[in-house]
Amino acid sequence: MTKAANRTLLKVGQYVLVVLLIFVFNFTLPRLMPGDPTDFVTGTDVDAPYVLDEETRQRLLAYHGLDKPVAAQFARYVANVACGDLGYAIYYKCPVSGLVGSRLPWTLLLAGTAFVLSTVAGVFLGAAAAFRAGSRLDRTLTGVLLGIRAMPAYLLGMLAIIVFSVGLGLFPLGGATSAFARYSSPFGAAADIVWHMMLPLAVLTIAQIAGVYLTMRNAMVAVLGETYMLMAEAKGLPPRRRAYSYGMRNAILPLYSRVGVRLGMLVTGTIFIESVFNYPGMGRLAYEATMVHDYPVLQGIFLVTALAIVGANILVDATYWLVDPRVRQAGGEA
C-alpha cells in the first residue's frame, strides 16, 4: 500500500472518529444543563404557558423517551438520526427538521455573505499590509483589527445598534423583515431583507476580518522573503506583480487550509449576532432553545452545524491538491 493510500485511510479514520464524537457530545451537552425541558411546560418557569399535573408530566417524558436510561436514549437518538429523523421539539411542538429548515436559510444568507466579504477584505488588507510591512498602514491596520478582535461580537453588535439604529436611525433595531409589511414586488421584499441585514452583516464581517487579515499578513510576509520571490525581483518583475500575482497565490494556502476552523468561529459569532439583532436564524434558535432546555432542537442545530464544519474540512482536504501543486507532486511520487 502506498504512502498516499495510508494517509487517505488515516484521514478517513480520523473523520469517522470525529463524527462519532460529535454524536456523543451532541447528545450529552444539552443534558448537562440544570433542569429539564418539562420545567417549561409544567408551570415551574414563570413564563410557562400552562400547568400540567405530575401524571401528564410523566406521560410527556415517556413520549419523548426522557424517562428511559441515558444509554437507551442515546441508542434511540442515533437510530432516529440514521433514518433522517432529528426528533420532535418539546417546547416548540413541531418536528425539529422543519424548525431548523425554516431558520437555516436566514443563517446561510447572513453567515455566508459575511464569510465571503470577510475573506475578500481580509486577504487584500493582509496582502497590502505585508507588502508594506513596518509602514504606518501596516501598524494602523494591525492595531485596529487586533483591537476589534479583542472585543466580543455581542458588544460590537450592541454598539452598532446604539450608534446606527438608535442614534442615527439608519437601520432597524432588529429582525429580518418589517412587521406587517406589504410589498408591491419581489424587489421590494428583497430590499427590505437587505436593509434589515446590513447592520448585523457589517458587524459579523468586521468581527471575522481580523483572523483572515492576520493569517494572510503573516503568510505573505514569509512568502515575500522566499528565494523564488528574490529571483523574480532579480528578473526585473514589478513589485506589485511579484506581490499580488506570485506571492498572494502561495500566501493564501494557509488560509484555505483553515476554512473549517473559520466556519466554527463564524458559527459562534453568528449565535451572538443573531441574538443581539433578533435575527431569525439558527443562532437565535439555539439561544431560544437553550433558554427552554429543548434537547431535540439543540441536538438538531448542533448536529447540522458540526456536520457542516466536518464536511467543509473534508472538502478542503479533497481539493487542497488543486490549489497547491506540491501536494499533487508528493502524491505522484509516493
Protein backbone atom coordinates (compact mmCIF):
# COMPACT_ATOMS: atom_id res chain seq x y z
CA MET A 1 0.00 0.00 0.00
CA THR A 2 1.39 3.40 -0.96
CA LYS A 3 2.02 6.26 1.43
CA ALA A 4 -0.76 8.25 -0.21
CA ALA A 5 -3.25 5.42 0.38
CA ASN A 6 -2.15 5.13 4.01
CA ARG A 7 -2.64 8.86 4.51
CA THR A 8 -6.10 8.63 2.95
CA LEU A 9 -7.13 5.75 5.22
CA LEU A 10 -5.80 7.62 8.24
CA LYS A 11 -7.80 10.70 7.27
CA VAL A 12 -10.97 8.65 6.79
CA GLY A 13 -10.47 7.02 10.19
CA GLN A 14 -10.00 10.42 11.81
CA TYR A 15 -13.19 11.78 10.29
CA VAL A 16 -15.17 8.70 11.35
CA LEU A 17 -13.91 9.18 14.91
CA VAL A 18 -14.80 12.88 14.79
CA VAL A 19 -18.36 12.09 13.64
CA LEU A 20 -18.76 9.55 16.46
CA LEU A 21 -17.55 12.10 19.00
CA ILE A 22 -19.96 14.64 17.55
CA PHE A 23 -22.85 12.30 18.21
CA VAL A 24 -21.70 11.68 21.80
CA PHE A 25 -21.12 15.34 22.67
CA ASN A 26 -24.21 16.47 20.78
CA PHE A 27 -26.32 14.11 22.87
CA THR A 28 -24.56 14.77 26.17
CA LEU A 29 -24.02 18.54 26.34
CA PRO A 30 -27.70 19.65 26.38
CA ARG A 31 -28.38 17.20 29.20
CA LEU A 32 -25.66 18.74 31.35
CA MET A 33 -27.73 21.91 31.74
CA PRO A 34 -29.57 22.22 35.07
CA GLY A 35 -33.27 21.38 34.94
CA ASP A 36 -35.11 19.59 32.14
CA PRO A 37 -37.48 20.54 29.30
CA THR A 38 -40.61 19.81 31.34
CA ASP A 39 -39.83 22.80 33.57
CA PHE A 40 -41.04 24.99 30.74
CA VAL A 41 -44.36 23.25 30.15
CA THR A 42 -45.35 22.32 33.74
CA GLY A 43 -45.53 25.75 35.27
CA THR A 44 -42.24 25.77 37.24
CA ASP A 45 -41.00 28.54 34.94
CA VAL A 46 -42.61 31.97 35.33
CA ASP A 47 -43.26 32.25 31.59
CA ALA A 48 -44.78 28.79 31.19
CA PRO A 49 -47.97 28.91 29.10
CA TYR A 50 -49.91 26.35 31.13
CA VAL A 51 -49.63 23.92 34.06
CA LEU A 52 -49.51 20.12 33.83
CA ASP A 53 -50.08 17.67 36.64
CA GLU A 54 -47.44 15.10 37.56
CA GLU A 55 -49.16 12.26 35.68
CA THR A 56 -49.22 14.26 32.47
CA ARG A 57 -45.63 15.29 33.06
CA GLN A 58 -44.56 11.62 33.26
CA ARG A 59 -46.50 10.85 30.10
CA LEU A 60 -44.73 13.74 28.38
CA LEU A 61 -41.34 12.40 29.48
CA ALA A 62 -42.29 8.94 28.25
CA TYR A 63 -43.50 10.30 24.89
CA HIS A 64 -40.12 11.92 24.26
CA GLY A 65 -38.20 8.95 25.70
CA LEU A 66 -36.73 11.01 28.55
CA ASP A 67 -37.88 8.53 31.19
CA LYS A 68 -35.54 5.84 29.86
CA PRO A 69 -31.89 5.29 30.89
CA VAL A 70 -29.36 7.57 29.20
CA ALA A 71 -27.88 4.69 27.17
CA ALA A 72 -31.31 3.81 25.77
CA GLN A 73 -31.94 7.49 24.94
CA PHE A 74 -28.63 7.67 23.08
CA ALA A 75 -29.35 4.49 21.10
CA ARG A 76 -32.75 5.88 20.12
CA TYR A 77 -31.19 9.21 19.14
CA VAL A 78 -28.59 7.57 16.87
CA ALA A 79 -31.20 5.30 15.28
CA ASN A 80 -33.52 8.22 14.56
CA VAL A 81 -30.74 10.35 13.06
CA ALA A 82 -29.69 7.43 10.87
CA CYS A 83 -33.25 7.43 9.48
CA GLY A 84 -33.16 11.19 8.92
CA ASP A 85 -35.34 11.98 11.94
CA LEU A 86 -34.00 14.81 14.13
CA GLY A 87 -36.79 14.36 16.65
CA TYR A 88 -39.77 16.38 17.85
CA ALA A 89 -39.32 19.73 19.59
CA ILE A 90 -40.59 19.59 23.17
CA TYR A 91 -41.21 23.31 23.66
CA TYR A 92 -41.97 24.32 20.06
CA LYS A 93 -44.16 21.23 19.47
CA CYS A 94 -43.14 20.60 15.87
CA PRO A 95 -40.61 18.43 14.00
CA VAL A 96 -37.04 19.62 14.58
CA SER A 97 -36.11 19.18 10.91
CA GLY A 98 -38.85 21.59 9.84
CA LEU A 99 -37.92 24.10 12.55
CA VAL A 100 -34.22 24.01 11.65
CA GLY A 101 -35.07 24.10 7.95
CA SER A 102 -37.12 27.27 8.39
CA ARG A 103 -34.24 29.07 10.16
CA LEU A 104 -31.33 27.71 8.12
CA PRO A 105 -31.81 29.92 5.00
CA TRP A 106 -31.58 33.09 7.11
CA THR A 107 -28.31 31.95 8.69
CA LEU A 108 -26.89 30.86 5.34
CA LEU A 109 -27.73 34.28 3.89
CA LEU A 110 -26.15 36.21 6.78
CA ALA A 111 -23.19 33.96 7.63
CA GLY A 112 -22.42 33.01 4.02
CA THR A 113 -22.30 36.63 2.89
CA ALA A 114 -20.17 37.59 5.91
CA PHE A 115 -17.80 34.69 5.17
CA VAL A 116 -17.24 35.85 1.58
CA LEU A 117 -16.89 39.54 2.44
CA SER A 118 -14.55 38.97 5.40
CA THR A 119 -12.39 36.62 3.32
CA VAL A 120 -12.01 39.01 0.39
CA ALA A 121 -11.40 42.06 2.61
CA GLY A 122 -9.03 40.20 4.94
CA VAL A 123 -6.97 38.77 2.08
CA PHE A 124 -6.44 42.08 0.32
CA LEU A 125 -5.85 44.06 3.52
CA GLY A 126 -3.38 41.43 4.76
CA ALA A 127 -1.52 41.38 1.46
CA ALA A 128 -1.36 45.19 1.36
CA ALA A 129 -0.03 45.35 4.93
CA ALA A 130 2.57 42.66 4.28
CA PHE A 131 3.73 44.38 1.10
CA ARG A 132 4.34 47.50 3.23
CA ALA A 133 5.46 45.68 6.39
CA GLY A 134 6.50 48.11 9.10
CA SER A 135 4.81 51.09 7.47
CA ARG A 136 2.16 53.29 9.05
CA LEU A 137 -0.53 51.43 7.07
CA ASP A 138 0.69 48.11 8.44
CA ARG A 139 0.82 49.33 12.04
CA THR A 140 -2.57 51.03 11.83
CA LEU A 141 -4.39 48.07 10.26
CA THR A 142 -2.83 45.58 12.67
CA GLY A 143 -3.59 47.71 15.72
CA VAL A 144 -7.20 48.44 14.75
CA LEU A 145 -8.04 44.87 13.76
CA LEU A 146 -6.39 43.40 16.86
CA GLY A 147 -8.48 45.78 18.95
CA ILE A 148 -11.65 44.68 17.15
CA ARG A 149 -10.71 41.03 17.53
CA ALA A 150 -10.38 41.50 21.29
CA MET A 151 -13.96 42.79 21.53
CA PRO A 152 -16.80 40.25 21.96
CA ALA A 153 -19.12 40.02 18.97
CA TYR A 154 -22.19 40.86 21.03
CA LEU A 155 -20.52 44.06 22.28
CA LEU A 156 -19.81 45.16 18.71
CA GLY A 157 -23.43 44.42 17.87
CA MET A 158 -24.83 46.45 20.77
CA LEU A 159 -22.54 49.40 19.96
CA ALA A 160 -23.68 49.28 16.33
CA ILE A 161 -27.35 49.31 17.39
CA ILE A 162 -26.78 52.26 19.76
CA VAL A 163 -24.94 54.32 17.14
CA PHE A 164 -26.60 53.45 13.82
CA SER A 165 -30.12 52.38 14.86
CA VAL A 166 -30.92 54.37 17.99
CA GLY A 167 -28.63 57.36 17.44
CA LEU A 168 -28.71 57.90 13.68
CA GLY A 169 -31.82 55.91 12.80
CA LEU A 170 -30.22 54.49 9.66
CA PHE A 171 -31.12 50.83 10.27
CA PRO A 172 -33.87 48.93 12.09
CA LEU A 173 -33.29 47.72 15.64
CA GLY A 174 -33.60 44.07 14.69
CA GLY A 175 -35.47 41.37 12.84
CA ALA A 176 -35.16 40.25 9.24
CA THR A 177 -38.22 41.95 7.72
CA SER A 178 -40.56 44.82 8.59
CA ALA A 179 -43.59 43.76 10.64
CA PHE A 180 -46.89 43.65 8.71
CA ALA A 181 -45.16 44.99 5.60
CA ARG A 182 -46.79 44.53 2.20
CA TYR A 183 -44.60 44.58 -0.89
CA SER A 184 -45.64 45.62 -4.36
CA SER A 185 -42.96 43.43 -5.96
CA PRO A 186 -40.31 40.84 -5.07
CA PHE A 187 -37.73 43.61 -5.35
CA GLY A 188 -39.40 45.48 -2.52
CA ALA A 189 -39.27 42.38 -0.31
CA ALA A 190 -35.61 41.80 -1.20
CA ALA A 191 -34.76 45.44 -0.46
CA ASP A 192 -36.42 45.17 2.97
CA ILE A 193 -34.46 41.99 3.76
CA VAL A 194 -31.19 43.61 2.70
CA TRP A 195 -31.94 46.73 4.76
CA HIS A 196 -32.51 44.64 7.89
CA MET A 197 -29.45 42.51 7.18
CA MET A 198 -26.98 45.35 6.57
CA LEU A 199 -26.08 46.12 10.20
CA PRO A 200 -25.72 42.53 11.51
CA LEU A 201 -23.83 41.67 8.31
CA ALA A 202 -21.42 44.57 8.79
CA VAL A 203 -20.79 43.64 12.44
CA LEU A 204 -20.28 39.94 11.68
CA THR A 205 -17.99 40.73 8.74
CA ILE A 206 -15.85 43.16 10.76
CA ALA A 207 -15.61 40.65 13.60
CA GLN A 208 -14.32 37.99 11.17
CA ILE A 209 -11.88 40.12 9.17
CA ALA A 210 -9.17 40.24 11.86
CA GLY A 211 -8.44 36.49 11.79
CA VAL A 212 -8.22 36.41 7.98
CA TYR A 213 -6.07 39.55 7.94
CA LEU A 214 -3.52 38.24 10.47
CA THR A 215 -3.23 34.84 8.76
CA MET A 216 -2.81 36.42 5.34
CA ARG A 217 -0.37 39.10 6.52
CA ASN A 218 1.94 36.66 8.30
CA ALA A 219 1.87 34.18 5.40
CA MET A 220 2.53 36.97 2.89
CA VAL A 221 5.50 38.31 4.88
CA ALA A 222 7.02 34.82 4.90
CA VAL A 223 6.37 34.32 1.17
CA LEU A 224 7.93 37.66 0.20
CA GLY A 225 11.19 36.50 1.77
CA GLU A 226 11.34 33.22 -0.15
CA THR A 227 14.13 32.56 -2.67
CA TYR A 228 11.83 32.37 -5.70
CA MET A 229 10.50 35.83 -4.85
CA LEU A 230 14.04 37.17 -4.75
CA MET A 231 14.68 35.54 -8.12
CA ALA A 232 11.55 37.21 -9.50
CA GLU A 233 12.91 40.52 -8.25
CA ALA A 234 16.27 39.82 -9.89
CA LYS A 235 14.49 39.17 -13.19
CA GLY A 236 13.07 42.68 -13.01
CA LEU A 237 9.39 41.91 -12.36
CA PRO A 238 7.48 44.94 -10.98
CA PRO A 239 6.97 44.88 -7.18
CA ARG A 240 3.17 44.81 -7.34
CA ARG A 241 3.16 41.97 -9.83
CA ARG A 242 5.57 39.99 -7.65
CA ALA A 243 3.41 40.55 -4.59
CA TYR A 244 -0.09 40.06 -5.97
CA SER A 245 0.43 37.69 -8.90
CA TYR A 246 3.08 35.40 -7.40
CA GLY A 247 3.18 35.97 -3.64
CA MET A 248 -0.55 36.04 -2.95
CA ARG A 249 -1.19 32.67 -4.60
CA ASN A 250 1.17 30.94 -2.17
CA ALA A 251 0.30 33.07 0.86
CA ILE A 252 -3.39 32.17 0.57
CA LEU A 253 -2.73 28.43 1.10
CA PRO A 254 -2.69 28.55 4.94
CA LEU A 255 -5.98 30.44 4.83
CA TYR A 256 -7.53 27.81 2.57
CA SER A 257 -6.50 25.04 4.95
CA ARG A 258 -8.22 26.83 7.85
CA VAL A 259 -11.68 27.04 6.26
CA GLY A 260 -13.15 24.56 8.75
CA VAL A 261 -11.72 26.46 11.74
CA ARG A 262 -13.10 29.73 10.38
CA LEU A 263 -16.54 28.19 9.93
CA GLY A 264 -16.51 27.10 13.57
CA MET A 265 -15.63 30.62 14.72
CA LEU A 266 -18.25 32.06 12.36
CA VAL A 267 -20.94 29.85 13.90
CA THR A 268 -20.06 31.14 17.38
CA GLY A 269 -20.16 34.74 16.21
CA THR A 270 -23.45 34.17 14.39
CA ILE A 271 -25.16 32.93 17.57
CA PHE A 272 -24.29 36.15 19.39
CA ILE A 273 -25.05 38.47 16.47
CA GLU A 274 -28.42 36.88 15.70
CA SER A 275 -29.36 37.07 19.38
CA VAL A 276 -28.42 40.75 19.66
CA PHE A 277 -30.24 41.70 16.44
CA ASN A 278 -33.16 39.29 16.98
CA TYR A 279 -32.36 37.82 13.57
CA PRO A 280 -34.46 34.67 12.91
CA GLY A 281 -31.61 32.30 12.07
CA MET A 282 -30.22 29.15 13.65
CA GLY A 283 -28.11 31.15 16.08
CA ARG A 284 -31.18 32.82 17.53
CA LEU A 285 -32.97 29.48 17.59
CA ALA A 286 -30.05 27.93 19.51
CA TYR A 287 -30.27 30.71 22.09
CA GLU A 288 -34.04 30.30 22.46
CA ALA A 289 -33.81 26.50 22.71
CA THR A 290 -31.10 26.81 25.37
CA MET A 291 -33.37 29.02 27.47
CA VAL A 292 -36.15 26.41 27.45
CA HIS A 293 -33.89 23.33 27.55
CA ASP A 294 -35.35 21.89 24.35
CA TYR A 295 -32.92 18.99 23.88
CA PRO A 296 -34.08 17.79 20.44
CA VAL A 297 -33.81 21.30 18.97
CA LEU A 298 -30.33 21.86 20.42
CA GLN A 299 -29.22 18.44 19.19
CA GLY A 300 -30.56 19.17 15.71
CA ILE A 301 -28.82 22.55 15.50
CA PHE A 302 -25.50 21.27 16.84
CA LEU A 303 -25.59 18.21 14.59
CA VAL A 304 -26.28 20.17 11.40
CA THR A 305 -23.62 22.74 12.29
CA ALA A 306 -20.96 20.22 13.31
CA LEU A 307 -21.50 18.04 10.23
CA ALA A 308 -21.30 21.14 8.02
CA ILE A 309 -17.93 22.02 9.55
CA VAL A 310 -16.67 18.45 9.15
CA GLY A 311 -17.93 18.44 5.56
CA ALA A 312 -16.05 21.68 4.87
CA ASN A 313 -12.85 20.14 6.22
CA ILE A 314 -13.32 17.04 4.07
CA LEU A 315 -13.87 19.24 1.02
CA VAL A 316 -10.71 21.23 1.79
CA ASP A 317 -8.66 18.05 2.21
CA ALA A 318 -10.06 16.59 -1.01
CA THR A 319 -9.37 19.73 -3.07
CA TYR A 320 -6.17 21.01 -1.49
CA TRP A 321 -4.10 19.46 -4.26
CA LEU A 322 -5.89 21.72 -6.73
CA VAL A 323 -4.56 24.88 -5.08
CA ASP A 324 -1.15 23.53 -4.02
CA PRO A 325 0.73 21.67 -6.79
CA ARG A 326 3.31 20.46 -4.25
CA VAL A 327 0.72 18.15 -2.71
CA ARG A 328 -0.11 16.71 -6.14
CA GLN A 329 3.58 16.23 -6.80
CA ALA A 330 4.16 14.49 -3.48
CA GLY A 331 1.19 12.18 -4.12
CA GLY A 332 2.55 11.23 -7.54
CA GLU A 333 5.99 10.49 -6.14
CA ALA A 334 4.52 8.30 -3.39
